Amino acid sequence: MKIMDEETKLVAEKLLSPDTSKIEEKNIIDDLKEKEFIKRVLNMLKEQDDQKSIANPAGVRLLASQFCTDNVPPHDVVLPPGYLIWTRGLYAITQDPENIQEFAVVRLSKVPFFIAGKEETGKALLIRFLNGQWLSDWVLVKNLGSKNLYLNFLIVPSPGVKFKELINYAFNGVIEAPFVTISDPALQAVLQELLETQYLYPDNKYPILVNVSKVKEMCQKYEVDYNFLRQWLFRRCVIRHASQIQRDGSENKPARFLVFERSIEDLLKDFN
């Protein structure tokens, strides 16, 4: 018969105590499950790294689905080096500060998330696990540096962890994530509005000048980065690289214009 260690004995006594509430009981069980999970991860890392004298978290590359076998995410990618996710959280794999030959696993957030893809549009696909299901959203890459984005998605750091650590992980995820084909409805909406409001059809006469302020208003309306859109159009030989300054007839003052060399109608076919 196996004798309980002191820690297990204390946990058992706490669970059996009539003073322990249901919430406390759930927290105790969750903690036990997490400890068991971390032990399993550390054993796996030790087996993989047995030949090395120094534990190297940067050399650990794991799939997003590696430890989510009971609830597999809708997309599977290789996570940034030194991270793992489980349905109970996002974890960083670090070097044990007391023994450089050993790994340590630290939870960064109770809500696991990862970047599954990125588009030319300046957006990234953020996948998160919340309330028993995987949720996905396309977000602007630049917004991954904002704490508000994570709060809106109910992603908060664990005690003692700073938001900066979640932000660094997310940006590393963007670097690692694969490009996917253009399917961003926001970019499509901007192009469609440009086509219709500025009459950028093939039967028009070119070049056509379009007020930059109007383009920026459309970008803001659909949450598309203006600088990205300008570069995207230039790479497709639609606009000139340099904008043009001249008097705007409708406002009777100088304004900056994009110079369109050809129609954008054919670009919309890429979204169908």
C-alpha atoms as a PDB file:
ATOM      1  CA  MET A   1       0.000   0.000   0.000  1.00  0.00           C
ATOM      2  CA  LYS A   2       1.414   3.366  -1.069  1.00  0.00           C
ATOM      3  CA  ILE A   3       1.811   5.905   1.723  1.00  0.00           C
ATOM      4  CA  MET A   4       0.546   9.416   0.933  1.00  0.00           C
ATOM      5  CA  ASP A   5       3.109  12.199   0.865  1.00  0.00           C
ATOM      6  CA  GLU A   6       2.428  15.193   3.107  1.00  0.00           C
ATOM      7  CA  GLU A   7       1.107  17.421   0.304  1.00  0.00           C
ATOM      8  CA  THR A   8      -1.345  14.781  -0.966  1.00  0.00           C
ATOM      9  CA  LYS A   9      -2.530  14.166   2.589  1.00  0.00           C
ATOM     10  CA  LEU A  10      -3.261  17.863   3.148  1.00  0.00           C
ATOM     11  CA  VAL A  11      -5.177  18.073  -0.152  1.00  0.00           C
ATOM     12  CA  ALA A  12      -7.257  14.996   0.729  1.00  0.00           C
ATOM     13  CA  GLU A  13      -8.093  16.436   4.155  1.00  0.00           C
ATOM     14  CA  LYS A  14      -9.141  19.730   2.549  1.00  0.00           C
ATOM     15  CA  LEU A  15     -11.434  17.950   0.068  1.00  0.00           C
ATOM     16  CA  LEU A  16     -13.065  15.907   2.835  1.00  0.00           C
ATOM     17  CA  SER A  17     -13.555  18.886   5.126  1.00  0.00           C
ATOM     18  CA  PRO A  18     -17.218  19.967   5.552  1.00  0.00           C
ATOM     19  CA  ASP A  19     -16.014  23.595   5.515  1.00  0.00           C
ATOM     20  CA  THR A  20     -14.803  23.323   1.932  1.00  0.00           C
ATOM     21  CA  SER A  21     -17.220  24.958  -0.531  1.00  0.00           C
ATOM     22  CA  LYS A  22     -17.986  23.586  -3.990  1.00  0.00           C
ATOM     23  CA  ILE A  23     -15.957  26.381  -5.588  1.00  0.00           C
ATOM     24  CA  GLU A  24     -12.966  25.664  -3.338  1.00  0.00           C
ATOM     25  CA  GLU A  25     -13.333  21.962  -4.119  1.00  0.00           C
ATOM     26  CA  LYS A  26     -13.291  22.674  -7.864  1.00  0.00           C
ATOM     27  CA  ASN A  27     -10.208  24.898  -7.498  1.00  0.00           C
ATOM     28  CA  ILE A  28      -8.390  22.178  -5.528  1.00  0.00           C
ATOM     29  CA  ILE A  29      -9.200  19.570  -8.197  1.00  0.00           C
ATOM     30  CA  ASP A  30      -8.137  21.963 -10.970  1.00  0.00           C
ATOM     31  CA  ASP A  31      -4.828  22.569  -9.208  1.00  0.00           C
ATOM     32  CA  LEU A  32      -4.249  18.832  -8.888  1.00  0.00           C
ATOM     33  CA  LYS A  33      -4.979  18.291 -12.573  1.00  0.00           C
ATOM     34  CA  GLU A  34      -2.607  21.102 -13.523  1.00  0.00           C
ATOM     35  CA  LYS A  35       0.194  19.716 -11.350  1.00  0.00           C
ATOM     36  CA  GLU A  36      -0.290  16.301 -12.933  1.00  0.00           C
ATOM     37  CA  PHE A  37      -0.251  17.871 -16.398  1.00  0.00           C
ATOM     38  CA  ILE A  38       2.948  19.837 -15.717  1.00  0.00           C
ATOM     39  CA  LYS A  39       4.598  16.705 -14.351  1.00  0.00           C
ATOM     40  CA  ARG A  40       3.682  14.883 -17.587  1.00  0.00           C
ATOM     41  CA  VAL A  41       5.086  17.716 -19.720  1.00  0.00           C
ATOM     42  CA  LEU A  42       8.333  17.853 -17.744  1.00  0.00           C
ATOM     43  CA  ASN A  43       8.795  14.080 -18.070  1.00  0.00           C
ATOM     44  CA  MET A  44       8.277  14.345 -21.831  1.00  0.00           C
ATOM     45  CA  LEU A  45      10.777  17.209 -22.121  1.00  0.00           C
ATOM     46  CA  LYS A  46      13.306  15.329 -20.010  1.00  0.00           C
ATOM     47  CA  GLU A  47      13.048  12.274 -22.282  1.00  0.00           C
ATOM     48  CA  GLN A  48      13.554  14.439 -25.370  1.00  0.00           C
ATOM     49  CA  ASP A  49      16.419  16.432 -23.874  1.00  0.00           C
ATOM     50  CA  ASP A  50      18.274  13.748 -21.916  1.00  0.00           C
ATOM     51  CA  GLN A  51      21.428  14.001 -23.989  1.00  0.00           C
ATOM     52  CA  LYS A  52      21.950  17.726 -23.291  1.00  0.00           C
ATOM     53  CA  SER A  53      23.692  19.195 -20.271  1.00  0.00           C
ATOM     54  CA  ILE A  54      21.659  22.438 -20.345  1.00  0.00           C
ATOM     55  CA  ALA A  55      17.888  22.679 -20.775  1.00  0.00           C
ATOM     56  CA  ASN A  56      17.083  24.839 -23.821  1.00  0.00           C
ATOM     57  CA  PRO A  57      13.478  26.130 -23.936  1.00  0.00           C
ATOM     58  CA  ALA A  58      14.153  27.821 -27.301  1.00  0.00           C
ATOM     59  CA  GLY A  59      14.687  24.372 -28.801  1.00  0.00           C
ATOM     60  CA  VAL A  60      11.245  23.112 -27.786  1.00  0.00           C
ATOM     61  CA  ARG A  61       8.820  23.265 -30.739  1.00  0.00           C
ATOM     62  CA  LEU A  62       5.318  21.915 -30.115  1.00  0.00           C
ATOM     63  CA  LEU A  63       2.118  21.764 -32.123  1.00  0.00           C
ATOM     64  CA  ALA A  64      -0.916  23.671 -30.849  1.00  0.00           C
ATOM     65  CA  SER A  65      -2.792  20.345 -30.665  1.00  0.00           C
ATOM     66  CA  GLN A  66       0.000  18.490 -28.801  1.00  0.00           C
ATOM     67  CA  PHE A  67      -1.787  18.473 -25.430  1.00  0.00           C
ATOM     68  CA  CYS A  68      -5.344  19.212 -26.613  1.00  0.00           C
ATOM     69  CA  THR A  69      -6.233  15.679 -27.651  1.00  0.00           C
ATOM     70  CA  ASP A  70      -9.645  15.786 -25.924  1.00  0.00           C
ATOM     71  CA  ASN A  71     -10.638  19.008 -27.664  1.00  0.00           C
ATOM     72  CA  VAL A  72      -8.536  19.556 -30.782  1.00  0.00           C
ATOM     73  CA  PRO A  73      -8.272  23.171 -32.073  1.00  0.00           C
ATOM     74  CA  PRO A  74      -9.761  23.910 -35.531  1.00  0.00           C
ATOM     75  CA  HIS A  75      -6.342  24.856 -36.918  1.00  0.00           C
ATOM     76  CA  ASP A  76      -3.001  23.301 -36.063  1.00  0.00           C
ATOM     77  CA  VAL A  77       0.310  25.111 -36.292  1.00  0.00           C
ATOM     78  CA  VAL A  78       3.717  24.944 -34.662  1.00  0.00           C
ATOM     79  CA  LEU A  79       3.740  27.306 -31.681  1.00  0.00           C
ATOM     80  CA  PRO A  80       6.602  29.754 -31.067  1.00  0.00           C
ATOM     81  CA  PRO A  81       9.628  28.091 -29.415  1.00  0.00           C
ATOM     82  CA  GLY A  82       9.236  27.527 -25.690  1.00  0.00           C
ATOM     83  CA  TYR A  83       5.425  27.607 -25.440  1.00  0.00           C
ATOM     84  CA  LEU A  84       2.596  25.103 -25.150  1.00  0.00           C
ATOM     85  CA  ILE A  85      -1.157  25.239 -24.777  1.00  0.00           C
ATOM     86  CA  TRP A  86      -3.630  23.015 -23.002  1.00  0.00           C
ATOM     87  CA  THR A  87      -7.370  23.529 -22.741  1.00  0.00           C
ATOM     88  CA  ARG A  88      -6.707  24.873 -19.237  1.00  0.00           C
ATOM     89  CA  GLY A  89      -4.166  27.496 -20.209  1.00  0.00           C
ATOM     90  CA  LEU A  90      -1.181  28.919 -22.049  1.00  0.00           C
ATOM     91  CA  TYR A  91       2.220  27.924 -20.650  1.00  0.00           C
ATOM     92  CA  ALA A  92       5.816  29.038 -21.087  1.00  0.00           C
ATOM     93  CA  ILE A  93       8.594  26.465 -20.947  1.00  0.00           C
ATOM     94  CA  THR A  94      11.554  27.957 -19.103  1.00  0.00           C
ATOM     95  CA  GLN A  95      14.830  26.910 -17.604  1.00  0.00           C
ATOM     96  CA  ASP A  96      14.601  25.895 -13.950  1.00  0.00           C
ATOM     97  CA  PRO A  97      16.339  28.754 -12.099  1.00  0.00           C
ATOM     98  CA  GLU A  98      17.694  26.310  -9.513  1.00  0.00           C
ATOM     99  CA  ASN A  99      18.961  23.723 -11.986  1.00  0.00           C
ATOM    100  CA  ILE A 100      19.959  24.698 -15.532  1.00  0.00           C
ATOM    101  CA  GLN A 101      19.745  21.054 -16.563  1.00  0.00           C
ATOM    102  CA  GLU A 102      16.004  20.989 -15.878  1.00  0.00           C
ATOM    103  CA  PHE A 103      12.961  22.614 -17.454  1.00  0.00           C
ATOM    104  CA  ALA A 104      10.184  24.478 -15.645  1.00  0.00           C
ATOM    105  CA  VAL A 105       6.635  25.140 -16.883  1.00  0.00           C
ATOM    106  CA  VAL A 106       4.823  28.361 -15.959  1.00  0.00           C
ATOM    107  CA  ARG A 107       1.211  29.223 -16.748  1.00  0.00           C
ATOM    108  CA  LEU A 108       0.875  32.605 -18.474  1.00  0.00           C
ATOM    109  CA  SER A 109      -2.923  32.666 -18.780  1.00  0.00           C
ATOM    110  CA  LYS A 110      -5.916  30.485 -17.956  1.00  0.00           C
ATOM    111  CA  VAL A 111      -7.240  31.119 -21.488  1.00  0.00           C
ATOM    112  CA  PRO A 112      -5.110  29.317 -24.091  1.00  0.00           C
ATOM    113  CA  PHE A 113      -4.700  31.127 -27.402  1.00  0.00           C
ATOM    114  CA  PHE A 114      -2.457  31.073 -30.439  1.00  0.00           C
ATOM    115  CA  ILE A 115      -1.999  32.684 -33.855  1.00  0.00           C
ATOM    116  CA  ALA A 116      -3.053  30.217 -36.547  1.00  0.00           C
ATOM    117  CA  GLY A 117      -2.414  32.275 -39.680  1.00  0.00           C
ATOM    118  CA  LYS A 118      -1.797  35.695 -41.188  1.00  0.00           C
ATOM    119  CA  GLU A 119      -2.875  37.511 -44.316  1.00  0.00           C
ATOM    120  CA  GLU A 120      -1.313  40.141 -46.541  1.00  0.00           C
ATOM    121  CA  THR A 121      -4.019  42.456 -45.240  1.00  0.00           C
ATOM    122  CA  GLY A 122      -2.137  42.992 -41.971  1.00  0.00           C
ATOM    123  CA  LYS A 123      -4.445  40.699 -40.023  1.00  0.00           C
ATOM    124  CA  ALA A 124      -3.817  37.575 -37.972  1.00  0.00           C
ATOM    125  CA  LEU A 125      -6.125  34.702 -37.051  1.00  0.00           C
ATOM    126  CA  LEU A 126      -6.336  34.467 -33.255  1.00  0.00           C
ATOM    127  CA  ILE A 127      -7.718  31.183 -31.856  1.00  0.00           C
ATOM    128  CA  ARG A 128      -8.704  30.909 -28.184  1.00  0.00           C
ATOM    129  CA  PHE A 129     -10.400  28.329 -25.962  1.00  0.00           C
ATOM    130  CA  LEU A 130     -13.209  29.700 -23.809  1.00  0.00           C
ATOM    131  CA  ASN A 131     -16.158  28.067 -22.054  1.00  0.00           C
ATOM    132  CA  GLY A 132     -15.410  24.670 -23.549  1.00  0.00           C
ATOM    133  CA  GLN A 133     -15.107  25.725 -27.184  1.00  0.00           C
ATOM    134  CA  TRP A 134     -12.541  27.087 -29.635  1.00  0.00           C
ATOM    135  CA  LEU A 135     -13.287  30.584 -30.936  1.00  0.00           C
ATOM    136  CA  SER A 136     -11.533  32.353 -33.810  1.00  0.00           C
ATOM    137  CA  ASP A 137     -11.244  36.012 -34.846  1.00  0.00           C
ATOM    138  CA  TRP A 138      -9.274  37.927 -37.459  1.00  0.00           C
ATOM    139  CA  VAL A 139      -7.526  40.839 -35.729  1.00  0.00           C
ATOM    140  CA  LEU A 140      -5.200  43.586 -36.915  1.00  0.00           C
ATOM    141  CA  VAL A 141      -1.615  42.578 -36.143  1.00  0.00           C
ATOM    142  CA  LYS A 142      -0.874  46.042 -34.749  1.00  0.00           C
ATOM    143  CA  ASN A 143      -3.708  45.595 -32.219  1.00  0.00           C
ATOM    144  CA  LEU A 144      -1.943  42.581 -30.715  1.00  0.00           C
ATOM    145  CA  GLY A 145       0.180  45.129 -28.887  1.00  0.00           C
ATOM    146  CA  SER A 146      -2.875  46.557 -27.122  1.00  0.00           C
ATOM    147  CA  LYS A 147      -3.953  45.247 -23.718  1.00  0.00           C
ATOM    148  CA  ASN A 148      -7.581  46.045 -24.597  1.00  0.00           C
ATOM    149  CA  LEU A 149      -7.672  43.400 -27.320  1.00  0.00           C
ATOM    150  CA  TYR A 150      -6.887  40.664 -24.797  1.00  0.00           C
ATOM    151  CA  LEU A 151      -9.357  42.047 -22.256  1.00  0.00           C
ATOM    152  CA  ASN A 152     -12.091  42.072 -24.925  1.00  0.00           C
ATOM    153  CA  PHE A 153     -11.367  38.384 -25.534  1.00  0.00           C
ATOM    154  CA  LEU A 154     -11.278  37.666 -21.760  1.00  0.00           C
ATOM    155  CA  ILE A 155      -7.590  36.771 -21.989  1.00  0.00           C
ATOM    156  CA  VAL A 156      -5.830  37.942 -18.838  1.00  0.00           C
ATOM    157  CA  PRO A 157      -2.388  37.082 -17.474  1.00  0.00           C
ATOM    158  CA  SER A 158      -1.997  34.721 -14.532  1.00  0.00           C
ATOM    159  CA  PRO A 159      -0.987  36.256 -11.177  1.00  0.00           C
ATOM    160  CA  GLY A 160       2.594  37.528 -11.346  1.00  0.00           C
ATOM    161  CA  VAL A 161       2.587  37.542 -15.167  1.00  0.00           C
ATOM    162  CA  LYS A 162       2.628  40.823 -17.103  1.00  0.00           C
ATOM    163  CA  PHE A 163       0.571  41.567 -20.216  1.00  0.00           C
ATOM    164  CA  LYS A 164       3.879  42.156 -22.010  1.00  0.00           C
ATOM    165  CA  GLU A 165       4.568  38.414 -21.855  1.00  0.00           C
ATOM    166  CA  LEU A 166       1.266  37.619 -23.590  1.00  0.00           C
ATOM    167  CA  ILE A 167       1.954  40.316 -26.189  1.00  0.00           C
ATOM    168  CA  ASN A 168       5.462  38.991 -26.916  1.00  0.00           C
ATOM    169  CA  TYR A 169       4.046  35.484 -27.319  1.00  0.00           C
ATOM    170  CA  ALA A 170       1.370  36.745 -29.736  1.00  0.00           C
ATOM    171  CA  PHE A 171       3.858  38.630 -31.930  1.00  0.00           C
ATOM    172  CA  ASN A 172       6.177  35.612 -31.982  1.00  0.00           C
ATOM    173  CA  GLY A 173       3.123  33.641 -33.080  1.00  0.00           C
ATOM    174  CA  VAL A 174       2.595  36.014 -36.008  1.00  0.00           C
ATOM    175  CA  ILE A 175       6.213  35.472 -37.098  1.00  0.00           C
ATOM    176  CA  GLU A 176       5.756  31.688 -36.975  1.00  0.00           C
ATOM    177  CA  ALA A 177       2.239  31.547 -38.464  1.00  0.00           C
ATOM    178  CA  PRO A 178       1.786  30.582 -42.127  1.00  0.00           C
ATOM    179  CA  PHE A 179       0.356  32.959 -44.711  1.00  0.00           C
ATOM    180  CA  VAL A 180      -3.137  32.054 -45.871  1.00  0.00           C
ATOM    181  CA  THR A 181      -4.943  33.031 -49.054  1.00  0.00           C
ATOM    182  CA  ILE A 182      -6.697  36.376 -49.137  1.00  0.00           C
ATOM    183  CA  SER A 183     -10.158  36.026 -47.663  1.00  0.00           C
ATOM    184  CA  ASP A 184     -10.441  39.205 -45.618  1.00  0.00           C
ATOM    185  CA  PRO A 185     -13.967  40.623 -46.062  1.00  0.00           C
ATOM    186  CA  ALA A 186     -12.805  44.021 -44.753  1.00  0.00           C
ATOM    187  CA  LEU A 187     -10.266  44.499 -47.566  1.00  0.00           C
ATOM    188  CA  GLN A 188     -12.842  43.282 -50.057  1.00  0.00           C
ATOM    189  CA  ALA A 189     -15.337  45.839 -48.715  1.00  0.00           C
ATOM    190  CA  VAL A 190     -12.836  48.714 -49.099  1.00  0.00           C
ATOM    191  CA  LEU A 191     -12.029  47.697 -52.681  1.00  0.00           C
ATOM    192  CA  GLN A 192     -15.719  47.348 -53.521  1.00  0.00           C
ATOM    193  CA  GLU A 193     -16.510  50.806 -52.125  1.00  0.00           C
ATOM    194  CA  LEU A 194     -13.539  52.319 -53.941  1.00  0.00           C
ATOM    195  CA  LEU A 195     -14.661  50.676 -57.173  1.00  0.00           C
ATOM    196  CA  GLU A 196     -18.226  51.982 -56.904  1.00  0.00           C
ATOM    197  CA  THR A 197     -17.751  55.436 -55.369  1.00  0.00           C
ATOM    198  CA  GLN A 198     -14.704  56.427 -57.458  1.00  0.00           C
ATOM    199  CA  TYR A 199     -15.861  54.574 -60.585  1.00  0.00           C
ATOM    200  CA  LEU A 200     -12.613  52.617 -60.939  1.00  0.00           C
ATOM    201  CA  TYR A 201     -14.062  50.373 -63.662  1.00  0.00           C
ATOM    202  CA  PRO A 202     -12.164  49.246 -66.798  1.00  0.00           C
ATOM    203  CA  ASP A 203     -14.213  51.519 -69.089  1.00  0.00           C
ATOM    204  CA  ASN A 204     -13.079  54.709 -67.299  1.00  0.00           C
ATOM    205  CA  LYS A 205     -10.157  56.881 -68.441  1.00  0.00           C
ATOM    206  CA  TYR A 206      -6.931  56.594 -66.431  1.00  0.00           C
ATOM    207  CA  PRO A 207      -5.064  57.886 -64.489  1.00  0.00           C
ATOM    208  CA  ILE A 208      -7.747  58.727 -61.906  1.00  0.00           C
ATOM    209  CA  LEU A 209      -7.027  60.767 -58.774  1.00  0.00           C
ATOM    210  CA  VAL A 210      -8.659  59.673 -55.510  1.00  0.00           C
ATOM    211  CA  ASN A 211      -8.480  61.866 -52.422  1.00  0.00           C
ATOM    212  CA  VAL A 212      -6.344  60.161 -49.750  1.00  0.00           C
ATOM    213  CA  SER A 213      -8.646  61.388 -46.961  1.00  0.00           C
ATOM    214  CA  LYS A 214     -11.578  59.531 -48.579  1.00  0.00           C
ATOM    215  CA  VAL A 215      -9.528  56.324 -48.806  1.00  0.00           C
ATOM    216  CA  LYS A 216      -8.490  56.682 -45.165  1.00  0.00           C
ATOM    217  CA  GLU A 217     -12.137  57.122 -44.134  1.00  0.00           C
ATOM    218  CA  MET A 218     -13.005  53.847 -45.888  1.00  0.00           C
ATOM    219  CA  CYS A 219     -10.059  52.088 -44.235  1.00  0.00           C
ATOM    220  CA  GLN A 220     -11.122  53.336 -40.815  1.00  0.00           C
ATOM    221  CA  LYS A 221     -14.719  52.294 -41.490  1.00  0.00           C
ATOM    222  CA  TYR A 222     -13.707  48.686 -42.291  1.00  0.00           C
ATOM    223  CA  GLU A 223     -10.653  48.501 -39.973  1.00  0.00           C
ATOM    224  CA  VAL A 224      -8.100  48.086 -42.757  1.00  0.00           C
ATOM    225  CA  ASP A 225      -4.631  49.578 -42.329  1.00  0.00           C
ATOM    226  CA  TYR A 226      -4.266  52.412 -44.879  1.00  0.00           C
ATOM    227  CA  ASN A 227      -0.498  52.010 -45.339  1.00  0.00           C
ATOM    228  CA  PHE A 228      -0.968  48.318 -45.989  1.00  0.00           C
ATOM    229  CA  LEU A 229      -3.699  49.025 -48.572  1.00  0.00           C
ATOM    230  CA  ARG A 230      -1.490  51.568 -50.361  1.00  0.00           C
ATOM    231  CA  GLN A 231       1.448  49.122 -50.570  1.00  0.00           C
ATOM    232  CA  TRP A 232      -0.898  46.299 -51.561  1.00  0.00           C
ATOM    233  CA  LEU A 233      -2.262  48.341 -54.483  1.00  0.00           C
ATOM    234  CA  PHE A 234       1.222  49.511 -55.520  1.00  0.00           C
ATOM    235  CA  ARG A 235       2.587  45.943 -55.623  1.00  0.00           C
ATOM    236  CA  ARG A 236      -0.223  45.075 -58.021  1.00  0.00           C
ATOM    237  CA  CYS A 237       0.644  48.023 -60.314  1.00  0.00           C
ATOM    238  CA  VAL A 238      -2.677  49.726 -59.600  1.00  0.00           C
ATOM    239  CA  ILE A 239      -1.393  53.029 -58.185  1.00  0.00           C
ATOM    240  CA  ARG A 240       1.758  55.078 -58.542  1.00  0.00           C
ATOM    241  CA  HIS A 241       4.180  54.927 -55.629  1.00  0.00           C
ATOM    242  CA  ALA A 242       4.119  58.700 -55.130  1.00  0.00           C
ATOM    243  CA  SER A 243       0.883  60.459 -54.303  1.00  0.00           C
ATOM    244  CA  GLN A 244       0.011  63.791 -55.923  1.00  0.00           C
ATOM    245  CA  ILE A 245      -0.855  67.105 -54.277  1.00  0.00           C
ATOM    246  CA  GLN A 246      -3.285  69.457 -55.965  1.00  0.00           C
ATOM    247  CA  ARG A 247      -6.329  71.572 -55.176  1.00  0.00           C
ATOM    248  CA  ASP A 248      -9.456  69.596 -54.340  1.00  0.00           C
ATOM    249  CA  GLY A 249     -12.336  71.080 -56.311  1.00  0.00           C
ATOM    250  CA  SER A 250     -14.992  70.029 -53.810  1.00  0.00           C
ATOM    251  CA  GLU A 251     -13.182  71.497 -50.797  1.00  0.00           C
ATOM    252  CA  ASN A 252     -11.296  74.245 -52.648  1.00  0.00           C
ATOM    253  CA  LYS A 253      -8.024  73.570 -50.816  1.00  0.00           C
ATOM    254  CA  PRO A 254      -4.840  71.552 -51.479  1.00  0.00           C
ATOM    255  CA  ALA A 255      -5.165  67.819 -50.858  1.00  0.00           C
ATOM    256  CA  ARG A 256      -3.175  64.629 -51.391  1.00  0.00           C
ATOM    257  CA  PHE A 257      -4.383  62.124 -53.985  1.00  0.00           C
ATOM    258  CA  LEU A 258      -3.603  58.521 -54.878  1.00  0.00           C
ATOM    259  CA  VAL A 259      -3.009  58.122 -58.599  1.00  0.00           C
ATOM    260  CA  PHE A 260      -4.813  55.050 -59.968  1.00  0.00           C
ATOM    261  CA  GLU A 261      -3.282  53.746 -63.195  1.00  0.00           C
ATOM    262  CA  ARG A 262      -5.889  51.082 -63.884  1.00  0.00           C
ATOM    263  CA  SER A 263      -9.158  49.522 -62.711  1.00  0.00           C
ATOM    264  CA  ILE A 264      -9.402  47.520 -59.494  1.00  0.00           C
ATOM    265  CA  GLU A 265     -12.325  45.393 -60.679  1.00  0.00           C
ATOM    266  CA  ASP A 266     -10.125  42.398 -61.500  1.00  0.00           C
ATOM    267  CA  LEU A 267      -8.611  42.452 -57.956  1.00  0.00           C
ATOM    268  CA  LEU A 268     -11.986  41.585 -56.483  1.00  0.00           C
ATOM    269  CA  LYS A 269     -11.993  38.299 -58.402  1.00  0.00           C
ATOM    270  CA  ASP A 270      -9.262  37.048 -56.007  1.00  0.00           C
ATOM    271  CA  PHE A 271     -11.805  37.106 -53.191  1.00  0.00           C
ATOM    272  CA  ASN A 272     -14.392  34.894 -54.886  1.00  0.00           C
END
